[in-house]
Amino acid sequence: MAKGDYSHKFDPDKLRDLILQKKNAKEIMKTLGISLWSLKEQLLLLEHKDKKFYDIPGLYDSDLQKYKEVSLTKEGILITDELLRKTSFQEGDECELIIEIDKIIIKKL
């Protein structure tokens, strides 16, 4: 393992191959014998190494499912009134959408 690679069992060639085969997160975790956390870590290492973004179906589904205030639809990401009540946003507020590498920020104007 190269200096700076802190993830155990990291095999960039094998992970890249599984992604290119369109395997989902559960299939990749089972094949590699790693946890969801390790898969996310290894994906970041691979993306940094390849300087390329890879999409693994199902990788972030569990993150969103633990929050009932957020759901994925064909139209996009829906945020419920319950979640909005926890913020300073109110109906009719204008906002700006900022997309960064690892997050989406909704900024109130």
Foldseek 3Di string as FASTA:
>chain_A
DDPPLPQPLQDLVVLVVCLVVQAAPVVVCVVSVHDLVSNVSSQVVNCVVVVHHGDHPPSCPVVQVVDPQWDADPVGIHGHPVVVVVDPDDPPFDWDWDDDPPDIDTGTD
